[in-house]
Amino acid sequence: MPVRVMIIAGESSGELYGAMLAVRLKEMWPGLLLLGIGGEKMEAAGVELLSTISSAFGGVGALSSIRHLIASYKKVKDIFRTIRVDVVVLIDFPDFNLKVAKAAKKSGIKVLYYVSPQVWAWRMGRIKKVAQRSDVIAAILPFEPEIYAKEDVRCEFVGHPIAEELKTHVVDKDAIMREFSLDAGHPIVGILPGSRAGELNRHLPVLIDTIKILKSRHPEFQYLMPIAPNLAIGEFGQMFVELAALDVKLADGRAVEVLSVCDLAVVKSGTAAFQAALIGVPIVVIYKMAALDYNIIKRIIDVKYINLVNLIYDAPVVKELIQEMAVPEAVADELIKLYEDDDLRNETLEKFKRLREIFDQKNPTNRVAELIADLIA
């Protein structure tokens, strides 16, 4: 009988990891039946989609989202009842995936949790639940196995798929410099405010004023900003008019390509900030959210840092300017420190280099595929 694996991802980054894994699994087992929940990337990689839950994100409405999730969960349970699934691979998305894990265990199906929930940040009580409902946890951060050490579950640090993707990402820096008419003799500052409309509305006013300050103090700086491909620039009106007036060059997506030519960057906390560190670009991290949301989050999240670099080092390697601290003067000052202070910049880059070495030793997709094979065997 063919091997049957189900992969469930709930958002774009997880879906990318699922697609990478699907390609590797197809190489290992050409007759493999791959089922799952995800999006276009996973489908293109050979996953037969039971449902797509990416549509349950991005403001389609709470009621619509809940109905979609309930329907998706029902389809998964129906599959568990009708065909033999060897392993279910769960990628992040804990509120949905932990329910799937419980149903899988009841059906005698092996569960591998890839990109486990951030139990170290909030809702620590989920540690036991994740452990009890998983046969193996494939951790993407080096400190996570210690968190699960007291639980009766195998947890292994496999590396981060972002680092794996960067290793295979070939960038023609000269072509990018030509495309955007950038001068190699002058510093390039990356502006990465985020990819969602809300993030741009909160971050762009701060960053526009930051650029104005930088221009007065370092007129030689050049500015490059990636824009999410599906973003409607017209929705942001005057802000993009101001960016054009400040000679900020806009790139359609391609955050990795943008970062590869930058000497400095200011980045919204998240994936791009981790990519910048792995590429070796000194950064200042910012993040702003609605005041009510921030006050709620502040009460339930228990971490000293929000940036992965700082979390891994358990030290303030990267400057974080959060909420009321994220003001133009502070952002400009921190960027200028990184530019003018050779010791600070070199120390930061050395720590980024050591971080990259940790992850370069790993190949998460291959290792997760091997763990799946172990579970099947």
Protein backbone atom coordinates (compact mmCIF):
# COMPACT_ATOMS: atom_id res chain seq x y z
CA MET A 1 0.00 0.00 0.00
CA PRO A 2 1.23 3.53 -0.71
CA VAL A 3 2.48 5.74 2.11
CA ARG A 4 -0.10 8.36 3.08
CA VAL A 5 0.94 11.64 4.73
CA MET A 6 -1.24 14.61 5.63
CA ILE A 7 0.27 18.13 5.96
CA ILE A 8 -1.69 20.95 7.56
CA ALA A 9 -0.55 24.58 7.41
CA GLY A 10 -2.60 27.62 8.33
CA GLU A 11 -0.76 30.62 6.89
CA SER A 12 1.71 31.60 4.18
CA SER A 13 5.05 30.88 5.87
CA GLY A 14 3.85 27.52 7.19
CA GLU A 15 2.49 26.69 3.77
CA LEU A 16 5.91 27.38 2.23
CA TYR A 17 7.50 24.94 4.72
CA GLY A 18 4.79 22.40 3.88
CA ALA A 19 5.47 22.76 0.16
CA MET A 20 9.22 22.27 0.67
CA LEU A 21 8.52 19.15 2.71
CA ALA A 22 6.06 17.81 0.13
CA VAL A 23 8.68 18.01 -2.62
CA ARG A 24 11.18 16.07 -0.49
CA LEU A 25 8.63 13.43 0.50
CA LYS A 26 7.69 12.87 -3.15
CA GLU A 27 11.36 12.27 -3.89
CA MET A 28 11.57 9.69 -1.11
CA TRP A 29 8.32 7.90 -1.98
CA PRO A 30 7.30 8.40 -5.64
CA GLY A 31 3.99 6.63 -5.02
CA LEU A 32 3.22 8.74 -1.93
CA LEU A 33 -0.33 9.99 -1.39
CA LEU A 34 -0.09 13.52 0.02
CA LEU A 35 -3.21 15.09 1.50
CA GLY A 36 -3.45 18.38 3.27
CA ILE A 37 -4.76 21.81 4.04
CA GLY A 38 -2.83 24.75 2.70
CA GLY A 39 -2.67 26.83 -0.44
CA GLU A 40 -1.27 27.15 -3.94
CA LYS A 41 2.34 26.36 -3.03
CA MET A 42 1.42 23.06 -1.39
CA GLU A 43 -0.91 22.16 -4.21
CA ALA A 44 1.84 22.86 -6.77
CA ALA A 45 4.16 20.63 -4.72
CA GLY A 46 1.81 17.68 -5.13
CA VAL A 47 -0.49 17.95 -2.11
CA GLU A 48 -4.13 17.02 -2.73
CA LEU A 49 -5.90 19.80 -0.85
CA LEU A 50 -8.88 18.87 1.28
CA SER A 51 -9.44 22.53 2.03
CA THR A 52 -7.62 25.83 1.93
CA ILE A 53 -7.56 27.72 5.19
CA SER A 54 -5.40 30.62 4.01
CA SER A 55 -8.72 32.28 3.13
CA ALA A 56 -9.64 32.20 6.80
CA PHE A 57 -7.09 34.97 7.38
CA GLY A 58 -6.91 38.51 6.17
CA GLY A 59 -10.19 39.99 7.28
CA VAL A 60 -12.84 37.92 5.51
CA GLY A 61 -14.94 38.23 8.66
CA ALA A 62 -14.91 36.34 11.94
CA LEU A 63 -18.06 34.34 11.30
CA SER A 64 -16.95 33.32 7.81
CA SER A 65 -13.55 32.28 9.20
CA ILE A 66 -15.07 30.14 11.95
CA ARG A 67 -17.41 28.40 9.52
CA HIS A 68 -14.52 27.70 7.17
CA LEU A 69 -12.36 26.27 9.95
CA ILE A 70 -15.18 24.05 11.21
CA ALA A 71 -15.75 22.71 7.69
CA SER A 72 -12.00 22.11 7.24
CA TYR A 73 -11.80 20.22 10.53
CA LYS A 74 -14.77 18.05 9.56
CA LYS A 75 -13.08 17.11 6.27
CA VAL A 76 -9.94 16.07 8.15
CA LYS A 77 -11.90 13.89 10.58
CA ASP A 78 -13.80 12.31 7.67
CA ILE A 79 -10.48 11.34 6.08
CA PHE A 80 -9.29 9.81 9.35
CA ARG A 81 -12.42 7.63 9.39
CA THR A 82 -12.31 6.54 5.75
CA ILE A 83 -8.65 5.93 4.80
CA ARG A 84 -5.44 4.96 6.54
CA VAL A 85 -3.15 7.97 7.11
CA ASP A 86 0.35 7.06 8.28
CA VAL A 87 1.52 10.43 9.61
CA VAL A 88 -0.05 13.84 10.11
CA VAL A 89 2.39 16.77 9.91
CA LEU A 90 1.14 19.84 11.73
CA ILE A 91 2.77 23.19 10.96
CA ASP A 92 2.21 25.86 13.64
CA PHE A 93 -1.46 27.10 13.67
CA PRO A 94 -2.05 25.64 17.18
CA ASP A 95 -5.71 26.44 17.84
CA PHE A 96 -6.70 24.35 14.81
CA ASN A 97 -3.85 21.86 14.70
CA LEU A 98 -4.05 20.77 18.33
CA LYS A 99 -7.65 19.69 17.70
CA VAL A 100 -6.47 17.78 14.63
CA ALA A 101 -3.70 16.17 16.72
CA LYS A 102 -6.25 14.96 19.27
CA ALA A 103 -8.43 13.44 16.54
CA ALA A 104 -5.39 11.84 14.89
CA LYS A 105 -4.23 10.21 18.11
CA LYS A 106 -7.73 8.81 18.71
CA SER A 107 -7.56 7.27 15.23
CA GLY A 108 -4.14 5.72 15.91
CA ILE A 109 -2.32 8.06 13.50
CA LYS A 110 1.22 9.24 14.19
CA VAL A 111 1.60 13.01 14.72
CA LEU A 112 4.66 15.10 13.92
CA TYR A 113 4.46 18.74 15.00
CA TYR A 114 6.69 20.87 12.77
CA VAL A 115 7.08 24.49 13.94
CA SER A 116 5.57 23.89 17.34
CA PRO A 117 3.37 26.51 19.04
CA GLN A 118 5.21 29.34 20.77
CA VAL A 119 4.54 27.95 24.21
CA TRP A 120 7.60 29.79 25.51
CA ALA A 121 5.89 33.13 24.77
CA TRP A 122 2.35 32.58 26.00
CA ARG A 123 -0.09 29.96 27.26
CA MET A 124 2.62 27.82 28.82
CA GLY A 125 -0.08 25.38 29.85
CA ARG A 126 -0.15 24.13 26.27
CA ILE A 127 3.25 22.42 26.71
CA LYS A 128 1.66 19.25 28.10
CA LYS A 129 -1.10 19.31 25.51
CA VAL A 130 1.37 19.64 22.61
CA ALA A 131 3.55 16.89 24.09
CA GLN A 132 0.67 14.49 24.77
CA ARG A 133 -0.76 14.88 21.27
CA SER A 134 2.54 14.60 19.36
CA ASP A 135 4.80 11.63 18.70
CA VAL A 136 7.65 13.89 17.57
CA ILE A 137 8.16 17.65 17.76
CA ALA A 138 10.44 19.10 15.08
CA ALA A 139 11.58 22.35 16.70
CA ILE A 140 12.87 25.21 14.56
CA LEU A 141 14.53 27.16 17.40
CA PRO A 142 17.51 25.81 19.38
CA PHE A 143 16.08 26.51 22.85
CA GLU A 144 12.79 24.68 22.29
CA PRO A 145 13.89 21.06 23.05
CA GLU A 146 14.80 22.15 26.60
CA ILE A 147 11.24 23.42 27.09
CA TYR A 148 9.85 19.96 26.30
CA ALA A 149 12.62 18.07 28.14
CA LYS A 150 10.39 17.21 31.12
CA GLU A 151 7.61 15.87 28.93
CA ASP A 152 7.41 12.35 27.57
CA VAL A 153 7.88 13.37 23.93
CA ARG A 154 10.72 13.38 21.45
CA CYS A 155 11.66 16.96 20.56
CA GLU A 156 14.54 17.70 18.20
CA PHE A 157 15.95 20.98 16.92
CA VAL A 158 15.89 20.51 13.15
CA GLY A 159 16.78 24.05 12.04
CA HIS A 160 14.72 26.85 10.53
CA PRO A 161 13.19 26.57 7.04
CA ILE A 162 13.90 30.28 6.44
CA ALA A 163 17.63 29.62 6.79
CA GLU A 164 17.30 26.61 4.48
CA GLU A 165 15.49 28.69 1.87
CA LEU A 166 18.13 31.43 2.02
CA LYS A 167 20.88 28.91 1.29
CA THR A 168 19.23 28.08 -2.03
CA HIS A 169 18.25 31.66 -2.88
CA VAL A 170 20.67 32.97 -5.52
CA VAL A 171 20.69 36.77 -5.72
CA ASP A 172 22.30 38.83 -8.49
CA LYS A 173 23.27 41.91 -6.48
CA ASP A 174 24.70 43.77 -9.47
CA ALA A 175 21.43 43.34 -11.35
CA ILE A 176 19.46 44.74 -8.40
CA MET A 177 21.80 47.73 -8.13
CA ARG A 178 21.28 48.45 -11.83
CA GLU A 179 17.52 47.89 -11.69
CA PHE A 180 17.05 50.53 -9.00
CA SER A 181 19.87 52.86 -10.11
CA LEU A 182 21.68 52.47 -6.80
CA ASP A 183 25.19 53.83 -6.25
CA ALA A 184 27.57 51.23 -4.80
CA GLY A 185 29.60 54.05 -3.25
CA HIS A 186 26.78 55.18 -0.94
CA PRO A 187 25.05 53.26 1.87
CA ILE A 188 21.69 51.63 1.14
CA VAL A 189 19.04 51.56 3.87
CA GLY A 190 16.27 48.97 3.67
CA ILE A 191 12.80 50.06 4.75
CA LEU A 192 10.61 47.04 5.61
CA PRO A 193 7.38 48.18 7.29
CA GLY A 194 5.51 44.87 6.95
CA SER A 195 3.25 43.31 4.36
CA ARG A 196 -0.24 43.84 5.80
CA ALA A 197 -2.28 47.01 5.38
CA GLY A 198 -2.54 47.58 9.14
CA GLU A 199 1.21 47.30 9.56
CA LEU A 200 1.85 49.86 6.84
CA ASN A 201 -0.71 52.27 8.29
CA ARG A 202 1.00 52.07 11.69
CA HIS A 203 4.64 51.96 10.58
CA LEU A 204 4.90 54.13 7.47
CA PRO A 205 4.23 57.49 9.21
CA VAL A 206 7.07 56.71 11.63
CA LEU A 207 9.40 55.57 8.86
CA ILE A 208 8.68 58.54 6.58
CA ASP A 209 9.67 60.93 9.38
CA THR A 210 12.68 58.71 10.16
CA ILE A 211 13.88 59.06 6.56
CA LYS A 212 13.50 62.85 6.77
CA ILE A 213 15.75 62.91 9.85
CA LEU A 214 18.29 60.59 8.21
CA LYS A 215 18.36 62.77 5.08
CA SER A 216 19.26 65.81 7.16
CA ARG A 217 22.08 63.95 8.93
CA HIS A 218 23.27 61.58 6.19
CA PRO A 219 22.18 62.91 2.80
CA GLU A 220 24.26 60.22 1.08
CA PHE A 221 21.94 57.41 2.22
CA GLN A 222 19.83 55.63 -0.41
CA TYR A 223 16.52 53.92 0.39
CA LEU A 224 14.96 50.72 -0.93
CA MET A 225 11.61 49.31 0.19
CA PRO A 226 9.94 46.02 -0.80
CA ILE A 227 6.16 46.11 -1.26
CA ALA A 228 3.95 43.05 -0.86
CA PRO A 229 2.87 42.03 -4.40
CA ASN A 230 -0.88 42.27 -3.76
CA LEU A 231 -0.76 45.53 -1.83
CA ALA A 232 -2.98 48.30 -3.20
CA ILE A 233 -0.69 51.33 -2.95
CA GLY A 234 -3.58 53.66 -3.70
CA GLU A 235 -5.10 52.84 -0.32
CA PHE A 236 -2.25 54.63 1.44
CA GLY A 237 -2.62 57.91 -0.44
CA GLN A 238 -0.28 60.64 0.71
CA MET A 239 2.20 58.27 2.38
CA PHE A 240 3.41 56.83 -0.93
CA VAL A 241 3.51 60.32 -2.44
CA GLU A 242 5.88 61.29 0.38
CA LEU A 243 8.00 58.17 -0.10
CA ALA A 244 8.41 59.05 -3.78
CA ALA A 245 9.35 62.62 -2.88
CA LEU A 246 11.99 61.24 -0.50
CA ASP A 247 13.39 59.14 -3.38
CA VAL A 248 12.55 55.82 -1.74
CA LYS A 249 12.80 53.13 -4.44
CA LEU A 250 10.00 50.55 -4.32
CA ALA A 251 10.54 46.87 -5.12
CA ASP A 252 7.64 44.53 -5.87
CA GLY A 253 8.07 41.97 -3.10
CA ARG A 254 11.56 40.42 -3.10
CA ALA A 255 12.48 41.23 0.51
CA VAL A 256 15.48 38.89 0.36
CA GLU A 257 16.84 40.61 -2.77
CA VAL A 258 16.34 44.02 -1.16
CA LEU A 259 18.12 42.99 2.04
CA SER A 260 20.99 41.44 0.09
CA VAL A 261 22.12 44.88 -1.16
CA CYS A 262 21.44 46.83 2.05
CA ASP A 263 24.03 48.17 4.49
CA LEU A 264 21.40 48.89 7.16
CA ALA A 265 17.69 48.25 7.57
CA VAL A 266 14.73 49.13 9.75
CA VAL A 267 12.42 46.15 9.83
CA LYS A 268 9.06 45.27 11.30
CA SER A 269 9.50 42.42 13.77
CA GLY A 270 8.91 39.09 12.07
CA THR A 271 10.25 36.91 9.26
CA ALA A 272 12.09 39.71 7.43
CA ALA A 273 14.01 40.67 10.58
CA PHE A 274 15.26 37.08 10.95
CA GLN A 275 16.15 36.98 7.24
CA ALA A 276 18.12 40.22 7.61
CA ALA A 277 20.15 38.78 10.48
CA LEU A 278 20.93 35.59 8.56
CA ILE A 279 21.91 37.62 5.48
CA GLY A 280 24.11 39.83 7.65
CA VAL A 281 22.40 43.23 7.60
CA PRO A 282 22.52 45.34 10.80
CA ILE A 283 18.92 46.15 11.72
CA VAL A 284 16.67 48.09 14.02
CA VAL A 285 13.39 46.27 14.74
CA ILE A 286 10.15 48.17 15.19
CA TYR A 287 6.59 47.14 15.94
CA LYS A 288 3.42 49.10 16.65
CA MET A 289 -0.12 47.84 17.15
CA ALA A 290 -3.44 49.29 18.23
CA ALA A 291 -3.24 50.45 21.86
CA LEU A 292 -6.04 48.15 23.04
CA ASP A 293 -4.47 45.11 21.34
CA TYR A 294 -1.07 45.96 22.81
CA ASN A 295 -2.44 46.26 26.34
CA ILE A 296 -4.10 42.84 26.01
CA ILE A 297 -1.04 41.18 24.48
CA LYS A 298 1.27 42.70 27.10
CA ARG A 299 -0.70 40.93 29.82
CA ILE A 300 -0.63 37.46 28.27
CA ILE A 301 2.79 37.24 26.59
CA ASP A 302 5.76 36.53 28.83
CA VAL A 303 8.94 37.23 26.84
CA LYS A 304 11.74 39.75 27.23
CA TYR A 305 12.14 40.16 23.46
CA ILE A 306 10.04 39.86 20.34
CA ASN A 307 12.83 39.40 17.77
CA LEU A 308 14.09 35.86 17.13
CA VAL A 309 17.75 36.90 17.25
CA ASN A 310 17.36 38.29 20.75
CA LEU A 311 15.25 35.32 21.85
CA ILE A 312 17.89 32.86 20.67
CA TYR A 313 20.75 34.77 22.30
CA ASP A 314 18.61 35.75 25.31
CA ALA A 315 20.25 39.16 25.00
CA PRO A 316 19.50 42.49 23.25
CA VAL A 317 21.64 41.88 20.17
CA VAL A 318 19.15 43.79 18.01
CA LYS A 319 17.58 47.05 19.14
CA GLU A 320 13.82 46.66 19.53
CA LEU A 321 11.64 49.78 19.45
CA ILE A 322 8.14 48.70 20.38
CA GLN A 323 4.92 50.72 20.58
CA GLU A 324 5.54 54.19 22.09
CA MET A 325 9.33 53.69 21.78
CA ALA A 326 8.98 53.44 17.98
CA VAL A 327 9.28 57.15 17.22
CA PRO A 328 11.24 58.66 14.30
CA GLU A 329 14.00 60.23 16.40
CA ALA A 330 14.73 56.94 18.20
CA VAL A 331 14.69 54.88 14.99
CA ALA A 332 17.01 57.34 13.22
CA ASP A 333 19.38 57.48 16.21
CA GLU A 334 19.69 53.70 16.40
CA LEU A 335 20.31 53.36 12.65
CA ILE A 336 22.97 56.04 12.76
CA LYS A 337 24.65 54.29 15.71
CA LEU A 338 24.87 51.10 13.66
CA TYR A 339 26.35 53.09 10.75
CA GLU A 340 28.81 55.30 12.64
CA ASP A 341 29.88 53.01 15.50
CA ASP A 342 32.26 50.47 13.93
CA ASP A 343 32.55 48.44 17.14
CA LEU A 344 28.77 48.12 17.54
CA ARG A 345 28.27 47.21 13.91
CA ASN A 346 31.09 44.65 13.89
CA GLU A 347 29.87 43.08 17.15
CA THR A 348 26.35 42.81 15.72
CA LEU A 349 27.59 41.27 12.49
CA GLU A 350 29.75 38.77 14.36
CA LYS A 351 26.72 37.61 16.35
CA PHE A 352 24.70 37.36 13.14
CA LYS A 353 27.50 35.25 11.66
CA ARG A 354 27.48 32.85 14.64
CA LEU A 355 23.69 32.63 14.40
CA ARG A 356 23.91 31.75 10.71
CA GLU A 357 26.47 29.03 11.49
CA ILE A 358 24.01 27.41 13.93
CA PHE A 359 21.34 27.16 11.25
CA ASP A 360 23.61 26.45 8.28
CA GLN A 361 24.51 23.12 9.91
CA LYS A 362 20.88 22.03 9.67
CA ASN A 363 18.61 20.94 6.84
CA PRO A 364 15.12 20.99 8.35
CA THR A 365 13.20 19.68 5.35
CA ASN A 366 15.43 16.61 5.00
CA ARG A 367 15.44 15.99 8.73
CA VAL A 368 11.64 16.23 9.06
CA ALA A 369 11.29 13.83 6.12
CA GLU A 370 13.61 11.40 7.94
CA LEU A 371 11.55 11.74 11.14
CA ILE A 372 8.42 10.92 9.14
CA ALA A 373 10.14 7.86 7.74
CA ASP A 374 11.06 6.80 11.30
CA LEU A 375 7.44 7.14 12.41
CA ILE A 376 6.23 5.05 9.49
CA ALA A 377 8.88 2.40 10.10
